[in-house]
């Protein structure tokens, strides 16, 4: 998640994995994905069109984390909350930007990120 995304569109998918090296070997050999490491607990992947990540730091039930992009993170958080979602992880910084997580009315966890300013 190192470049700016498109406002209010899905931008990234994050998989929680137990072994990043094993996941890189699998997806690299089967699908030809490329990778950029951001420390021992996070690796970005690219399939040539979409980027995502492998992380070992956040165990979540329910499958991969869908991450949307927002030009204005604070405004998007206000809209998310006004629509009835619950903030599950407050805004935090990471290399390249900031993000927060929320659960939608059905309990699905998603995240929204914005580039560093």
C-alpha atoms as a PDB file:
ATOM      1  CA  UNK A   1       0.000   0.000   0.000  1.00  0.00           C
ATOM      2  CA  UNK A   2       2.633   2.427  -1.030  1.00  0.00           C
ATOM      3  CA  UNK A   3       0.857   4.498  -3.681  1.00  0.00           C
ATOM      4  CA  UNK A   4      -2.343   6.464  -3.628  1.00  0.00           C
ATOM      5  CA  UNK A   5      -5.509   4.527  -4.381  1.00  0.00           C
ATOM      6  CA  UNK A   6      -8.827   5.569  -5.876  1.00  0.00           C
ATOM      7  CA  UNK A   7     -11.230   7.197  -3.417  1.00  0.00           C
ATOM      8  CA  UNK A   8     -13.829   4.779  -1.971  1.00  0.00           C
ATOM      9  CA  UNK A   9     -12.791   1.739  -4.003  1.00  0.00           C
ATOM     10  CA  UNK A  10     -11.407  -1.625  -2.882  1.00  0.00           C
ATOM     11  CA  UNK A  11      -7.660  -1.208  -2.964  1.00  0.00           C
ATOM     12  CA  UNK A  12      -6.058  -4.083  -1.115  1.00  0.00           C
ATOM     13  CA  UNK A  13      -6.717  -7.565   0.271  1.00  0.00           C
ATOM     14  CA  UNK A  14      -4.804  -8.814   3.293  1.00  0.00           C
ATOM     15  CA  UNK A  15      -4.365 -12.488   4.183  1.00  0.00           C
ATOM     16  CA  UNK A  16      -3.474 -13.562   7.718  1.00  0.00           C
ATOM     17  CA  UNK A  17      -0.992 -16.432   7.287  1.00  0.00           C
ATOM     18  CA  UNK A  18       1.073 -18.564   9.640  1.00  0.00           C
ATOM     19  CA  UNK A  19       4.207 -18.588   7.447  1.00  0.00           C
ATOM     20  CA  UNK A  20       4.924 -15.691   5.085  1.00  0.00           C
ATOM     21  CA  UNK A  21       7.784 -17.483   3.320  1.00  0.00           C
ATOM     22  CA  UNK A  22       5.573 -20.477   2.585  1.00  0.00           C
ATOM     23  CA  UNK A  23       2.775 -18.225   1.267  1.00  0.00           C
ATOM     24  CA  UNK A  24       5.221 -16.327  -0.947  1.00  0.00           C
ATOM     25  CA  UNK A  25       6.571 -19.592  -2.360  1.00  0.00           C
ATOM     26  CA  UNK A  26       3.067 -20.917  -3.049  1.00  0.00           C
ATOM     27  CA  UNK A  27       1.544 -17.818  -4.677  1.00  0.00           C
ATOM     28  CA  UNK A  28       4.774 -16.935  -6.474  1.00  0.00           C
ATOM     29  CA  UNK A  29       5.143 -20.343  -8.066  1.00  0.00           C
ATOM     30  CA  UNK A  30       1.467 -20.933  -8.849  1.00  0.00           C
ATOM     31  CA  UNK A  31       0.337 -17.440  -9.922  1.00  0.00           C
ATOM     32  CA  UNK A  32       3.566 -15.538 -10.569  1.00  0.00           C
ATOM     33  CA  UNK A  33       2.924 -12.930  -7.866  1.00  0.00           C
ATOM     34  CA  UNK A  34       5.790 -10.612  -6.882  1.00  0.00           C
ATOM     35  CA  UNK A  35       6.546  -9.443  -3.354  1.00  0.00           C
ATOM     36  CA  UNK A  36       7.895  -6.488  -1.354  1.00  0.00           C
ATOM     37  CA  UNK A  37       8.849  -7.154   2.273  1.00  0.00           C
ATOM     38  CA  UNK A  38       8.027  -4.576   4.968  1.00  0.00           C
ATOM     39  CA  UNK A  39       9.576  -6.304   7.966  1.00  0.00           C
ATOM     40  CA  UNK A  40       9.167  -9.808   9.367  1.00  0.00           C
ATOM     41  CA  UNK A  41       5.376  -9.604   9.877  1.00  0.00           C
ATOM     42  CA  UNK A  42       4.220  -8.073   6.556  1.00  0.00           C
ATOM     43  CA  UNK A  43       4.833  -8.665   2.851  1.00  0.00           C
ATOM     44  CA  UNK A  44       3.020  -6.894   0.050  1.00  0.00           C
ATOM     45  CA  UNK A  45       2.094  -8.955  -3.003  1.00  0.00           C
ATOM     46  CA  UNK A  46       1.180  -7.895  -6.514  1.00  0.00           C
ATOM     47  CA  UNK A  47      -0.545  -9.948  -9.154  1.00  0.00           C
ATOM     48  CA  UNK A  48       0.190  -7.286 -11.774  1.00  0.00           C
ATOM     49  CA  UNK A  49      -3.161  -5.583 -11.252  1.00  0.00           C
ATOM     50  CA  UNK A  50      -4.074  -5.713  -7.563  1.00  0.00           C
ATOM     51  CA  UNK A  51      -1.894  -5.480  -4.480  1.00  0.00           C
ATOM     52  CA  UNK A  52      -2.455  -7.114  -1.151  1.00  0.00           C
ATOM     53  CA  UNK A  53      -0.542  -8.380   1.789  1.00  0.00           C
ATOM     54  CA  UNK A  54       0.418 -11.369   3.880  1.00  0.00           C
ATOM     55  CA  UNK A  55       0.597 -10.665   7.603  1.00  0.00           C
ATOM     56  CA  UNK A  56       1.261 -12.743  10.684  1.00  0.00           C
ATOM     57  CA  UNK A  57       0.360  -9.987  13.101  1.00  0.00           C
ATOM     58  CA  UNK A  58      -3.438  -9.961  13.132  1.00  0.00           C
ATOM     59  CA  UNK A  59      -5.426 -13.147  13.622  1.00  0.00           C
ATOM     60  CA  UNK A  60      -8.981 -12.587  12.353  1.00  0.00           C
ATOM     61  CA  UNK A  61     -11.714 -15.104  11.668  1.00  0.00           C
ATOM     62  CA  UNK A  62     -13.693 -14.821   8.461  1.00  0.00           C
ATOM     63  CA  UNK A  63     -11.110 -14.776   5.694  1.00  0.00           C
ATOM     64  CA  UNK A  64      -9.037 -12.042   4.110  1.00  0.00           C
ATOM     65  CA  UNK A  65      -9.298  -8.403   5.126  1.00  0.00           C
ATOM     66  CA  UNK A  66     -10.730  -6.180   2.375  1.00  0.00           C
ATOM     67  CA  UNK A  67      -9.105  -2.747   2.415  1.00  0.00           C
ATOM     68  CA  UNK A  68     -10.621   0.311   0.760  1.00  0.00           C
ATOM     69  CA  UNK A  69      -8.866   3.574  -0.047  1.00  0.00           C
ATOM     70  CA  UNK A  70     -10.096   7.042   0.989  1.00  0.00           C
ATOM     71  CA  UNK A  71      -8.754  10.451   0.039  1.00  0.00           C
ATOM     72  CA  UNK A  72     -10.045  11.808   3.379  1.00  0.00           C
ATOM     73  CA  UNK A  73      -9.704   9.209   6.124  1.00  0.00           C
ATOM     74  CA  UNK A  74     -11.448  11.222   8.863  1.00  0.00           C
ATOM     75  CA  UNK A  75     -14.442  12.042   6.659  1.00  0.00           C
ATOM     76  CA  UNK A  76     -14.752   8.401   5.620  1.00  0.00           C
ATOM     77  CA  UNK A  77     -14.634   7.271   9.244  1.00  0.00           C
ATOM     78  CA  UNK A  78     -17.454   9.694  10.080  1.00  0.00           C
ATOM     79  CA  UNK A  79     -19.548   8.288   7.188  1.00  0.00           C
ATOM     80  CA  UNK A  80     -18.814   4.705   8.274  1.00  0.00           C
ATOM     81  CA  UNK A  81     -19.902   5.434  11.849  1.00  0.00           C
ATOM     82  CA  UNK A  82     -22.988   7.421  10.757  1.00  0.00           C
ATOM     83  CA  UNK A  83     -24.092   4.447   8.644  1.00  0.00           C
ATOM     84  CA  UNK A  84     -24.054   2.178  11.702  1.00  0.00           C
ATOM     85  CA  UNK A  85     -20.642   0.506  11.565  1.00  0.00           C
ATOM     86  CA  UNK A  86     -18.465  -0.004  14.643  1.00  0.00           C
ATOM     87  CA  UNK A  87     -14.789   1.015  14.664  1.00  0.00           C
ATOM     88  CA  UNK A  88     -12.867  -2.139  15.605  1.00  0.00           C
ATOM     89  CA  UNK A  89      -9.351  -0.687  15.344  1.00  0.00           C
ATOM     90  CA  UNK A  90      -8.786   3.077  15.650  1.00  0.00           C
ATOM     91  CA  UNK A  91      -6.677   4.991  13.137  1.00  0.00           C
ATOM     92  CA  UNK A  92      -3.023   3.964  13.206  1.00  0.00           C
ATOM     93  CA  UNK A  93       0.018   4.793  11.101  1.00  0.00           C
ATOM     94  CA  UNK A  94       2.021   2.346   9.004  1.00  0.00           C
ATOM     95  CA  UNK A  95       4.740   2.819   6.354  1.00  0.00           C
ATOM     96  CA  UNK A  96       2.966   4.713   3.576  1.00  0.00           C
ATOM     97  CA  UNK A  97      -0.131   5.958   5.357  1.00  0.00           C
ATOM     98  CA  UNK A  98      -2.784   5.559   8.016  1.00  0.00           C
ATOM     99  CA  UNK A  99      -5.789   3.250   8.366  1.00  0.00           C
ATOM    100  CA  UNK A 100      -8.638   2.132  10.595  1.00  0.00           C
ATOM    101  CA  UNK A 101     -10.743  -1.035  10.751  1.00  0.00           C
ATOM    102  CA  UNK A 102     -14.507  -1.303  11.141  1.00  0.00           C
ATOM    103  CA  UNK A 103     -17.205  -3.944  11.280  1.00  0.00           C
ATOM    104  CA  UNK A 104     -20.197  -3.490   9.015  1.00  0.00           C
ATOM    105  CA  UNK A 105     -23.773  -4.109  10.221  1.00  0.00           C
ATOM    106  CA  UNK A 106     -23.396  -7.837   9.439  1.00  0.00           C
ATOM    107  CA  UNK A 107     -20.159  -8.129  11.420  1.00  0.00           C
ATOM    108  CA  UNK A 108     -17.704  -8.246   8.495  1.00  0.00           C
ATOM    109  CA  UNK A 109     -14.407  -6.539   9.279  1.00  0.00           C
ATOM    110  CA  UNK A 110     -13.022  -4.176   6.618  1.00  0.00           C
ATOM    111  CA  UNK A 111     -10.365  -1.468   6.688  1.00  0.00           C
ATOM    112  CA  UNK A 112      -9.907   1.946   5.106  1.00  0.00           C
ATOM    113  CA  UNK A 113      -6.507   3.488   4.435  1.00  0.00           C
ATOM    114  CA  UNK A 114      -5.189   6.817   3.183  1.00  0.00           C
ATOM    115  CA  UNK A 115      -1.751   7.778   1.943  1.00  0.00           C
ATOM    116  CA  UNK A 116       0.626   9.623   4.254  1.00  0.00           C
ATOM    117  CA  UNK A 117       0.402  13.393   3.880  1.00  0.00           C
END
